[in-house]
N, C-alpha and C. Protein backbone atom coordinates (compact mmCIF):
# COMPACT_ATOMS: atom_id res chain seq x y z
N MET A 1 2.32 26.83 15.04
CA MET A 1 3.03 27.70 14.34
C MET A 1 4.36 27.53 14.67
N LEU A 2 4.98 27.03 15.45
CA LEU A 2 6.55 26.88 16.00
C LEU A 2 7.30 25.61 14.72
N GLU A 3 6.19 24.58 14.72
CA GLU A 3 6.76 23.81 14.25
C GLU A 3 6.74 24.30 12.04
N LEU A 4 5.63 24.65 12.45
CA LEU A 4 5.98 25.34 10.48
C LEU A 4 7.39 26.15 10.39
N ASN A 5 7.58 27.56 11.25
CA ASN A 5 8.68 28.12 11.16
C ASN A 5 9.74 27.18 11.03
N ALA A 6 10.13 26.34 12.07
CA ALA A 6 11.07 25.15 12.22
C ALA A 6 10.75 24.44 10.55
N ALA A 7 10.16 23.97 9.94
CA ALA A 7 10.32 23.51 8.42
C ALA A 7 10.57 24.01 7.53
N LEU A 8 10.06 25.31 7.30
CA LEU A 8 10.23 26.18 7.00
C LEU A 8 12.10 26.94 6.90
N LEU A 9 12.53 27.06 7.60
CA LEU A 9 13.86 27.30 8.01
C LEU A 9 15.15 26.32 7.20
N ALA A 10 13.97 24.89 7.57
CA ALA A 10 15.23 23.51 6.65
C ALA A 10 14.97 23.62 5.52
N GLY A 11 13.52 24.30 4.86
CA GLY A 11 13.22 24.28 3.66
C GLY A 11 13.88 25.64 2.41
N ALA A 12 14.52 26.36 3.26
CA ALA A 12 15.16 28.23 2.77
C ALA A 12 14.20 29.25 2.30
N THR A 13 13.60 28.98 1.50
CA THR A 13 12.50 29.87 0.81
C THR A 13 11.36 30.05 1.44
N GLU A 14 10.29 30.84 1.34
CA GLU A 14 8.90 30.71 1.66
C GLU A 14 8.06 30.03 0.35
N PRO A 15 7.33 29.32 0.73
CA PRO A 15 6.61 29.03 -0.55
C PRO A 15 5.82 29.47 -1.02
N GLU A 16 5.22 29.64 -2.63
CA GLU A 16 4.07 30.33 -3.12
C GLU A 16 2.31 30.28 -2.47
N ALA A 17 2.00 29.05 -1.65
CA ALA A 17 0.99 29.06 -1.25
C ALA A 17 0.81 27.98 -0.05
N THR A 18 -0.26 28.59 0.71
CA THR A 18 -0.28 27.08 1.53
C THR A 18 -1.66 26.65 1.79
N PHE A 19 -1.81 25.43 2.09
CA PHE A 19 -3.35 24.46 2.56
C PHE A 19 -3.29 24.26 3.93
N ASP A 20 -4.28 24.57 4.53
CA ASP A 20 -4.63 24.16 5.78
C ASP A 20 -5.48 23.01 6.07
N ALA A 21 -5.22 21.96 5.71
CA ALA A 21 -6.31 20.23 5.63
C ALA A 21 -6.92 19.74 7.04
N GLY A 22 -5.95 20.61 7.57
CA GLY A 22 -6.28 20.20 9.22
C GLY A 22 -6.98 18.52 9.04
N PRO A 23 -8.11 18.29 9.53
CA PRO A 23 -8.42 16.86 10.21
C PRO A 23 -9.02 15.95 8.72
N MET A 24 -8.75 16.50 7.14
CA MET A 24 -9.21 15.91 6.25
C MET A 24 -9.10 15.06 5.61
N GLY A 25 -9.60 14.30 5.50
CA GLY A 25 -9.09 12.65 5.06
C GLY A 25 -8.47 12.62 3.59
N CYS A 26 -7.45 11.83 3.73
CA CYS A 26 -6.38 11.85 2.38
C CYS A 26 -7.23 12.07 1.04
N GLY A 27 -8.25 11.27 1.52
CA GLY A 27 -9.27 11.26 -0.34
C GLY A 27 -8.98 12.76 -0.73
N GLU A 28 -10.04 13.37 0.31
CA GLU A 28 -10.18 14.70 0.42
C GLU A 28 -9.16 15.97 0.03
N ILE A 29 -8.24 15.54 0.32
CA ILE A 29 -7.12 16.48 0.39
C ILE A 29 -6.53 16.29 -0.91
N VAL A 30 -5.78 15.24 -1.75
CA VAL A 30 -5.51 14.94 -2.36
C VAL A 30 -6.47 15.66 -4.05
N ILE A 31 -7.94 15.56 -3.63
CA ILE A 31 -8.59 16.02 -4.72
C ILE A 31 -8.52 17.85 -4.46
N GLU A 32 -8.34 17.81 -3.33
CA GLU A 32 -8.50 19.68 -3.44
C GLU A 32 -6.73 20.23 -3.82
N LEU A 33 -5.89 18.87 -3.34
CA LEU A 33 -4.41 19.36 -4.06
C LEU A 33 -4.66 19.46 -5.66
N LYS A 34 -5.12 19.03 -6.32
CA LYS A 34 -5.37 19.12 -7.60
C LYS A 34 -5.37 20.25 -7.96
N PHE A 35 -6.66 20.84 -7.72
CA PHE A 35 -7.76 21.63 -7.87
C PHE A 35 -6.12 23.17 -7.73
N ARG A 36 -5.74 23.00 -6.42
CA ARG A 36 -4.77 24.30 -5.94
C ARG A 36 -3.17 24.04 -6.24
N LEU A 37 -2.82 23.16 -7.14
CA LEU A 37 -1.60 23.01 -7.29
C LEU A 37 -1.67 24.00 -8.94
N ARG A 38 -3.16 23.05 -9.82
CA ARG A 38 -3.46 23.57 -11.15
C ARG A 38 -3.19 25.12 -11.23
N ASP A 39 -3.67 25.55 -10.45
CA ASP A 39 -3.80 27.32 -10.43
C ASP A 39 -2.51 27.73 -9.99
N LEU A 40 -1.60 26.86 -9.49
CA LEU A 40 0.02 27.96 -9.45
C LEU A 40 0.62 27.76 -10.56
N PRO A 41 2.10 28.59 -10.91
CA PRO A 41 2.98 28.36 -11.92
C PRO A 41 3.82 26.92 -11.88
N ALA A 42 4.23 26.32 -12.63
CA ALA A 42 5.35 25.60 -12.43
C ALA A 42 6.41 25.91 -11.79
N GLY A 43 6.75 24.59 -10.75
CA GLY A 43 7.81 25.07 -10.25
C GLY A 43 7.24 26.06 -9.02
N ALA A 44 6.02 26.28 -8.64
CA ALA A 44 5.59 26.64 -7.22
C ALA A 44 5.67 26.00 -6.32
N ARG A 45 5.54 25.96 -4.77
CA ARG A 45 5.81 25.46 -3.59
C ARG A 45 4.36 25.56 -3.19
N LEU A 46 4.04 24.50 -2.09
CA LEU A 46 2.72 24.81 -1.65
C LEU A 46 2.78 24.12 -0.07
N ILE A 47 2.94 24.69 0.51
CA ILE A 47 3.32 23.79 2.12
C ILE A 47 1.58 23.30 2.45
N VAL A 48 1.61 22.24 2.88
CA VAL A 48 0.57 21.26 3.18
C VAL A 48 0.61 20.94 4.84
N HIS A 49 -0.78 21.47 5.25
CA HIS A 49 -0.70 20.99 6.94
C HIS A 49 -2.10 20.58 6.84
N GLY A 50 -1.64 18.54 6.99
CA GLY A 50 -2.99 17.64 7.63
C GLY A 50 -2.31 17.10 8.48
N THR A 51 -3.32 16.44 9.48
CA THR A 51 -3.00 15.68 10.61
C THR A 51 -4.04 14.21 10.28
N ASP A 52 -4.26 14.10 9.16
CA ASP A 52 -4.70 13.06 8.73
C ASP A 52 -3.84 11.36 9.00
N PRO A 53 -4.13 10.61 9.96
CA PRO A 53 -2.89 9.31 9.72
C PRO A 53 -2.35 9.16 8.65
N GLY A 54 -2.55 8.77 7.71
CA GLY A 54 -2.32 8.11 6.28
C GLY A 54 -2.03 8.81 5.47
N LEU A 55 -1.60 10.35 5.83
CA LEU A 55 -1.23 11.64 5.14
C LEU A 55 0.49 11.31 4.72
N PRO A 56 1.30 10.79 5.90
CA PRO A 56 2.40 10.29 5.60
C PRO A 56 3.13 9.64 4.44
N GLU A 57 2.29 8.34 4.20
CA GLU A 57 2.25 7.45 3.26
C GLU A 57 1.49 7.73 1.76
N ASP A 58 0.67 8.19 2.15
CA ASP A 58 -0.65 8.69 0.84
C ASP A 58 -0.30 10.09 0.26
N LEU A 59 0.84 11.08 0.95
CA LEU A 59 1.27 12.27 -0.28
C LEU A 59 2.05 11.93 -0.84
N PRO A 60 3.23 11.26 -0.23
CA PRO A 60 4.28 10.87 -0.92
C PRO A 60 4.34 9.99 -2.36
N ALA A 61 2.95 9.28 -2.12
CA ALA A 61 2.40 8.18 -3.05
C ALA A 61 1.67 9.25 -4.35
N TRP A 62 1.09 9.95 -4.13
CA TRP A 62 0.26 11.00 -4.63
C TRP A 62 0.98 11.49 -5.68
N CYS A 63 1.99 12.16 -4.72
CA CYS A 63 3.18 13.31 -5.58
C CYS A 63 4.06 12.26 -6.47
N ARG A 64 4.00 11.02 -6.92
CA ARG A 64 4.97 10.09 -7.08
C ARG A 64 4.00 10.16 -8.47
N MET A 65 2.82 9.78 -8.39
CA MET A 65 1.55 9.12 -9.23
C MET A 65 1.19 10.40 -10.29
N THR A 66 1.48 11.56 -9.82
CA THR A 66 0.72 13.18 -10.30
C THR A 66 2.39 13.58 -10.91
N GLY A 67 3.58 13.24 -10.79
CA GLY A 67 4.51 14.22 -11.31
C GLY A 67 5.08 15.00 -10.45
N HIS A 68 4.28 15.53 -9.32
CA HIS A 68 4.68 16.67 -8.45
C HIS A 68 5.80 16.23 -7.39
N THR A 69 6.70 17.32 -7.17
CA THR A 69 7.67 16.80 -5.82
C THR A 69 7.64 16.91 -4.97
N LEU A 70 7.43 16.41 -4.00
CA LEU A 70 7.42 16.25 -2.11
C LEU A 70 8.77 16.69 -2.20
N VAL A 71 9.17 18.00 -1.82
CA VAL A 71 10.46 18.70 -1.57
C VAL A 71 10.73 17.99 -0.24
N TRP A 72 9.88 18.23 0.78
CA TRP A 72 10.06 17.32 2.23
C TRP A 72 8.93 17.51 2.96
N ALA A 73 8.71 16.63 4.04
CA ALA A 73 7.78 15.96 4.83
C ALA A 73 7.99 16.05 6.44
N ARG A 74 7.83 16.62 7.02
CA ARG A 74 7.90 17.07 8.59
C ARG A 74 6.28 16.65 9.30
N PRO A 75 5.53 15.61 9.29
CA PRO A 75 4.04 15.09 9.49
C PRO A 75 4.10 16.40 11.03
N PRO A 76 2.88 17.68 11.10
CA PRO A 76 1.85 17.55 9.59
C PRO A 76 1.82 18.61 8.42
N TYR A 77 3.46 18.79 8.47
CA TYR A 77 3.86 19.52 7.13
C TYR A 77 4.43 18.91 6.22
N TYR A 78 4.36 19.42 5.08
CA TYR A 78 4.47 18.91 3.89
C TYR A 78 5.02 20.06 3.12
N LEU A 79 6.34 20.05 1.99
CA LEU A 79 6.45 21.17 0.68
C LEU A 79 6.20 20.11 -0.02
N ILE A 80 5.17 20.57 -1.21
CA ILE A 80 5.25 19.65 -2.67
C ILE A 80 5.52 21.00 -3.50
N GLN A 81 6.60 20.94 -3.92
CA GLN A 81 6.56 22.00 -5.66
C GLN A 81 5.89 21.38 -6.91
N ARG A 82 5.23 22.17 -7.96
CA ARG A 82 4.41 21.64 -8.74
C ARG A 82 5.48 21.60 -10.13
N ARG A 83 4.96 20.11 -10.41
CA ARG A 83 5.34 20.29 -11.70
C ARG A 83 5.35 20.83 -12.83
N ASP A 84 6.31 20.99 -14.04
CA ASP A 84 6.41 21.26 -15.15
C ASP A 84 4.59 21.21 -15.53
N PRO A 85 4.34 21.23 -16.70
CA PRO A 85 2.89 21.36 -17.43
C PRO A 85 3.65 19.72 -18.40
């Protein structure tokens, strides 16, 4: 939790939602992210916590492909901003 607090300080404001993916695989994480982000308003921010070793490479690529913004990545924490519809 201390790591998350430090990451939030660097990000300035609180996110609208959080998702603790724990040890889920990247494939499962991006499917879950699709649904979680869909339910948030445009511009909302989501903190993701995930320990899959491929996530530092896969999550930025997924954000680029889907149009969402990876605001910052401090593995195992990531801040994603939902795209405009």
